[in-house]
Protein backbone atom coordinates (compact mmCIF):
# COMPACT_ATOMS: atom_id res chain seq x y z
CA MET A 1 -22.15 -4.66 -19.49
CA LYS A 2 -19.03 -3.59 -21.49
CA ASN A 3 -18.19 -0.96 -18.78
CA GLN A 4 -18.61 -3.50 -16.04
CA VAL A 5 -16.11 -5.72 -17.79
CA MET A 6 -13.62 -2.97 -18.64
CA SER A 7 -13.56 -0.98 -15.50
CA PRO A 8 -11.77 -3.82 -13.25
CA ILE A 9 -9.27 -4.38 -16.07
CA VAL A 10 -8.56 -0.48 -16.41
CA LEU A 11 -8.44 0.02 -12.65
CA THR A 12 -6.14 -3.02 -12.30
CA THR A 13 -3.87 -1.84 -14.88
CA LEU A 14 -3.62 1.61 -13.30
CA ALA A 15 -2.80 -0.09 -10.10
CA MET A 16 -0.14 -2.09 -11.38
CA VAL A 17 1.64 0.92 -13.21
CA ALA A 18 1.47 2.74 -9.82
CA PHE A 19 3.12 -0.26 -8.08
CA ALA A 20 5.89 -0.27 -10.58
CA ALA A 21 6.35 3.46 -10.43
CA ASN A 22 6.91 3.07 -6.68
CA SER A 23 9.79 0.67 -7.41
CA ILE A 24 11.31 3.07 -9.91
CA LEU A 25 10.82 6.13 -7.78
CA CYS A 26 12.44 4.53 -4.84
CA ARG A 27 15.33 3.05 -6.71
CA LEU A 28 15.99 6.28 -8.18
CA ALA A 29 16.22 7.95 -5.01
CA LEU A 30 18.12 5.46 -3.08
CA GLY A 31 20.36 4.10 -5.68
CA THR A 32 21.59 7.65 -6.38
CA ASP A 33 22.00 8.10 -2.62
CA SER A 34 19.72 11.27 -2.90
CA ILE A 35 17.97 10.28 0.45
CA ASP A 36 18.29 7.59 3.20
CA ALA A 37 15.89 4.80 3.36
CA ALA A 38 14.11 5.88 6.60
CA SER A 39 13.61 9.40 5.54
CA PHE A 40 12.24 8.27 2.08
CA THR A 41 9.82 5.92 4.12
CA SER A 42 8.72 8.73 6.25
CA ILE A 43 8.25 11.17 3.64
CA ARG A 44 6.37 8.87 1.50
CA LEU A 45 3.92 7.72 4.11
CA VAL A 46 3.45 11.35 5.54
CA SER A 47 2.99 12.92 1.97
CA GLY A 48 0.65 10.02 0.89
CA ALA A 49 -1.43 10.72 4.29
CA ALA A 50 -1.48 14.52 3.53
CA MET A 51 -2.91 13.88 -0.09
CA LEU A 52 -5.64 11.42 1.08
CA ALA A 53 -6.43 13.44 4.18
CA GLY A 54 -6.98 16.60 1.83
CA ILE A 55 -9.19 14.67 -0.45
CA LEU A 56 -11.10 13.15 2.51
CA PHE A 57 -11.81 16.46 4.08
CA PHE A 58 -12.87 17.92 0.80
CA ARG A 59 -15.23 14.88 0.21
CA ASP A 60 -16.63 14.01 3.68
CA HIS A 61 -15.25 16.95 5.91
CA GLY A 62 -13.30 14.44 7.99
CA PHE A 63 -12.48 10.93 8.59
CA LYS A 64 -14.75 8.09 9.83
CA GLN A 65 -12.82 7.00 12.93
CA GLU A 66 -14.57 3.59 13.07
CA ARG A 67 -12.57 2.48 10.02
CA LEU A 68 -9.27 2.81 11.77
CA ASN A 69 -7.62 -0.83 11.58
CA PRO A 70 -4.32 -1.12 13.43
CA ILE A 71 -3.23 -4.45 11.64
CA SER A 72 -3.59 -2.74 8.12
CA THR A 73 -1.67 0.27 9.39
CA LEU A 74 1.08 -2.04 10.76
CA MET A 75 1.33 -4.09 7.41
CA LEU A 76 1.36 -0.79 5.47
CA PHE A 77 4.20 0.59 7.55
CA ALA A 78 6.22 -2.59 7.75
CA TYR A 79 5.82 -3.13 3.92
CA ALA A 80 7.01 0.66 3.24
CA LEU A 81 10.09 0.33 5.65
CA CYS A 82 11.36 -2.88 4.37
CA PHE A 83 10.61 -1.88 0.66
CA SER A 84 12.84 1.18 1.16
CA PHE A 85 15.85 -0.52 2.84
CA SER A 86 15.92 -3.34 0.26
CA TYR A 87 16.06 -0.96 -2.56
CA ILE A 88 19.50 0.43 -1.47
CA GLU A 89 21.00 -2.39 -3.36
CA LEU A 90 18.29 -4.07 -5.48
CA SER A 91 17.51 -2.94 -9.11
CA ALA A 92 13.94 -1.85 -9.83
CA GLY A 93 13.02 -5.01 -11.66
CA THR A 94 14.64 -7.45 -9.38
CA GLY A 95 13.16 -5.86 -6.33
CA ALA A 96 9.61 -5.90 -7.75
CA LEU A 97 10.00 -9.52 -8.78
CA ILE A 98 10.94 -10.58 -5.34
CA LEU A 99 8.25 -8.29 -3.64
CA PHE A 100 5.34 -9.68 -5.56
CA GLY A 101 6.57 -13.32 -5.68
CA ALA A 102 6.34 -13.03 -1.92
CA VAL A 103 2.89 -11.40 -2.24
CA GLN A 104 1.59 -14.15 -4.40
CA LEU A 105 2.82 -16.75 -2.04
CA THR A 106 1.18 -15.07 1.00
CA MET A 107 -2.22 -14.60 -0.66
CA ILE A 108 -2.40 -18.10 -2.21
CA LEU A 109 -1.45 -19.84 1.01
CA PHE A 110 -4.15 -17.71 2.71
CA GLY A 111 -6.72 -18.66 0.16
CA SER A 112 -5.92 -22.24 0.51
CA ALA A 113 -6.24 -22.00 4.20
CA MET A 114 -9.72 -20.42 3.80
CA GLY A 115 -10.84 -23.41 1.64
CA GLU A 116 -10.07 -22.13 -1.88
CA ARG A 117 -9.46 -24.97 -4.33
CA HIS A 118 -7.38 -24.61 -7.45
CA GLY A 119 -7.22 -26.88 -10.62
CA ARG A 120 -4.11 -28.38 -12.06
CA THR A 121 -3.71 -25.52 -14.60
CA VAL A 122 -3.77 -22.95 -11.80
CA TRP A 123 -1.30 -24.79 -9.86
CA ILE A 124 1.05 -25.15 -12.95
CA GLY A 125 0.70 -21.37 -13.48
CA ILE A 126 1.53 -20.76 -9.82
CA ILE A 127 4.56 -23.17 -9.77
CA ALA A 128 5.90 -21.53 -13.10
CA ALA A 129 5.66 -18.17 -11.66
CA PHE A 130 7.50 -19.17 -8.63
CA GLY A 131 9.94 -21.18 -10.78
CA GLY A 132 10.79 -17.88 -12.37
CA LEU A 133 11.36 -16.23 -9.09
CA ALA A 134 13.56 -19.15 -7.82
CA TYR A 135 15.61 -18.87 -10.93
CA LEU A 136 16.29 -15.27 -10.46
CA LEU A 137 17.42 -15.87 -6.69
CA MET A 138 19.50 -18.91 -7.38
CA PRO A 139 23.11 -18.20 -6.13
CA SER A 140 25.40 -16.72 -8.87
CA VAL A 141 27.50 -13.63 -9.63
CA SER A 142 24.14 -11.92 -10.94
CA ALA A 143 21.84 -13.04 -7.86
CA PRO A 144 20.75 -10.09 -5.86
CA PRO A 145 22.24 -9.42 -2.22
CA LEU A 146 20.68 -11.76 0.21
CA ILE A 147 19.89 -9.28 3.03
CA SER A 148 18.27 -6.98 0.55
CA ALA A 149 16.23 -9.86 -0.89
CA LEU A 150 15.04 -11.03 2.33
CA LEU A 151 13.82 -7.60 3.40
CA MET A 152 11.99 -7.44 0.16
CA ALA A 153 10.45 -10.69 0.75
CA LEU A 154 9.17 -9.55 4.27
CA ALA A 155 7.74 -6.34 2.46
CA GLY A 156 5.73 -8.80 0.10
CA ILE A 157 4.51 -10.77 2.97
CA ALA A 158 3.34 -7.41 4.48
CA TRP A 159 1.76 -6.22 1.38
CA GLY A 160 0.02 -9.55 0.88
CA ILE A 161 -1.77 -9.22 4.20
CA TYR A 162 -2.40 -5.70 3.50
CA THR A 163 -4.10 -6.65 0.22
CA ILE A 164 -6.07 -9.52 1.70
CA ARG A 165 -7.35 -7.16 4.33
CA GLY A 166 -8.40 -4.67 1.57
CA LYS A 167 -10.92 -7.20 -0.06
CA THR A 168 -13.47 -6.18 2.74
CA SER A 169 -12.97 -2.62 2.08
CA VAL A 170 -16.36 -0.69 1.60
CA ASP A 171 -14.89 2.84 1.22
CA PRO A 172 -11.44 2.46 -0.29
CA LEU A 173 -10.56 6.22 -0.06
CA SER A 174 -11.39 6.50 3.60
CA ASP A 175 -9.85 3.29 4.52
CA THR A 176 -6.54 3.87 2.72
CA GLY A 177 -6.24 7.46 4.07
CA LEU A 178 -6.88 6.40 7.61
CA ASN A 179 -4.17 3.65 7.21
CA PHE A 180 -1.73 6.29 5.87
CA VAL A 181 -2.46 8.83 8.54
CA ALA A 182 -2.04 6.04 11.34
CA THR A 183 1.46 5.26 10.17
CA ILE A 184 2.69 8.96 10.72
CA PRO A 185 3.67 8.04 14.41
CA LEU A 186 5.71 4.96 13.22
CA SER A 187 7.21 7.01 10.29
CA VAL A 188 8.40 9.54 12.95
CA LEU A 189 9.81 6.85 15.25
CA ALA A 190 11.56 5.21 12.39
CA TYR A 191 13.13 8.49 11.29
CA LEU A 192 14.43 9.04 14.92
CA VAL A 193 15.84 5.62 15.26
CA PHE A 194 17.89 5.90 11.95
CA ARG A 195 18.50 9.68 12.25
CA SER A 196 22.26 9.20 12.41
CA ASP A 197 22.15 8.14 8.84
CA ALA A 198 19.78 10.81 7.53
CA HIS A 199 20.71 12.90 4.53
CA LEU A 200 18.26 14.87 2.41
CA THR A 201 18.44 16.43 -1.08
CA SER A 202 15.71 18.09 -3.12
CA LYS A 203 15.72 15.35 -5.60
CA GLY A 204 15.33 12.66 -2.95
CA VAL A 205 12.48 14.58 -1.15
CA THR A 206 10.75 15.20 -4.48
CA LEU A 207 10.89 11.56 -5.39
CA ALA A 208 9.81 10.50 -1.94
CA ILE A 209 6.75 12.95 -2.25
CA LEU A 210 5.80 11.52 -5.72
CA SER A 211 5.92 8.15 -4.48
CA GLY A 212 3.77 9.03 -1.40
CA THR A 213 1.12 11.22 -3.05
CA LEU A 214 0.57 9.59 -6.54
CA ALA A 215 2.19 6.13 -6.86
CA SER A 216 1.43 5.08 -3.13
CA GLY A 217 -1.81 7.28 -1.94
CA ILE A 218 -3.89 7.28 -5.12
CA GLY A 219 -2.42 4.06 -6.44
CA TYR A 220 -3.62 2.21 -3.32
CA VAL A 221 -6.98 3.76 -3.37
CA VAL A 222 -7.43 2.53 -6.91
CA TRP A 223 -6.09 -1.05 -5.81
CA TYR A 224 -8.58 -1.28 -2.85
CA SER A 225 -11.34 -0.17 -5.12
CA VAL A 226 -10.95 -3.03 -7.36
CA LEU A 227 -9.92 -5.80 -4.93
CA PRO A 228 -13.49 -6.80 -4.14
CA ARG A 229 -14.05 -7.78 -7.75
CA LEU A 230 -11.24 -10.03 -8.09
CA SER A 231 -10.59 -13.42 -6.65
CA ARG A 232 -7.70 -13.93 -4.19
CA THR A 233 -5.86 -16.01 -6.69
CA THR A 234 -6.32 -13.30 -9.49
CA ALA A 235 -5.40 -10.48 -7.20
CA ALA A 236 -2.22 -12.22 -6.14
CA THR A 237 -1.17 -13.46 -9.60
CA VAL A 238 -1.79 -10.33 -11.53
CA GLN A 239 0.61 -8.35 -9.27
CA LEU A 240 3.42 -10.50 -10.80
CA SER A 241 3.00 -8.21 -13.89
CA VAL A 242 4.51 -5.31 -11.88
CA PRO A 243 8.22 -6.71 -11.93
CA VAL A 244 8.19 -6.72 -15.73
CA ILE A 245 6.76 -3.11 -16.03
CA ALA A 246 9.29 -2.09 -13.22
CA ALA A 247 12.29 -3.76 -15.07
CA PHE A 248 11.57 -2.14 -18.38
CA GLY A 249 11.00 1.13 -16.58
CA GLY A 250 14.42 0.77 -14.84
CA ILE A 251 15.89 0.09 -18.13
CA LEU A 252 14.47 3.32 -19.65
CA LEU A 253 14.73 5.80 -16.96
CA LEU A 254 17.38 4.31 -14.59
CA SER A 255 19.85 2.97 -17.34
CA GLU A 256 19.70 -0.39 -15.68
CA PRO A 257 20.97 -3.25 -17.61
CA ILE A 258 18.59 -6.11 -18.48
CA THR A 259 20.36 -9.46 -17.75
CA LEU A 260 19.48 -12.61 -19.51
CA ARG A 261 18.52 -13.99 -16.06
CA LEU A 262 16.02 -11.28 -15.35
CA LEU A 263 14.57 -11.59 -18.87
CA ILE A 264 13.95 -15.45 -18.62
CA ALA A 265 12.71 -14.96 -15.14
CA SER A 266 10.14 -12.42 -16.19
CA LEU A 267 8.97 -14.37 -19.25
CA VAL A 268 8.40 -17.51 -17.06
CA VAL A 269 6.66 -15.44 -14.44
CA LEU A 270 4.47 -13.76 -17.10
CA GLY A 271 3.50 -17.15 -18.56
CA GLY A 272 2.56 -18.41 -15.06
CA ILE A 273 0.31 -15.30 -14.51
CA TYR A 274 -1.47 -16.03 -17.84
CA LEU A 275 -2.12 -19.58 -17.12
CA THR A 276 -3.40 -18.86 -13.47
CA ILE A 277 -5.61 -16.16 -14.69
CA LYS A 278 -7.03 -18.04 -17.80
CA ALA A 279 -7.75 -21.06 -15.56
CA SER A 280 -9.27 -19.01 -12.77
CA ALA A 281 -11.63 -17.15 -15.32
CA PRO A 282 -15.25 -18.14 -15.29
CA GLU A 283 -16.57 -19.99 -18.30
């Protein structure tokens, strides 16, 4: 019984750390102009596909073609592309906060449309989490660039849809691997469209590969494996812990400043997460 209780907690924690690592790796690559956004996206997705394909061929000697899902593939690609372009200007923590705020909104609205009902405390938690996000984005000298923020919000919507579809996954490794492999043609197309801006350095390529193989490929398998054991509300809300992890990772690894606005927003968001999860937990 103890292992059954701990396993989702451990897996969810690992997935959240992987998500935060993606923000840090992407910002580290694009913030230092070590690679362009389209190339980072392409290398990230192709390297993730290669990693997962290798594991699948070792395990199953191939893919199960009937698991291919075009909508999940498109959402994965849209998320990755918008994610990369938004991080040209956004800090790691701010980008993650916008991303997972949009994820939460997408998943909770979908759950409500599917008939899920939430108590007063859950809604207070949800409103608090979004209040923190709104406070971060209010116009001011320290507010993030609008276009970059909108791109990250689009990435969050795409990731929210991708997560929703992952709740029905019966083979997380195969499903995630096929989704990554299917993005390769789209990745090549994106690279060709933006090839005039392409520039690569060994540092940028290495960071993109790490993002693709570990933080994305393995991280998303872990997330898909735990999703069936989480409610939509919990799955949506717990992801708002990622911005705090990413923000402090950015401070430690990228020397990014921690602003009072980001600190207050993060505390409000975490408080909202706590209320939502506590109220959603079974008695």
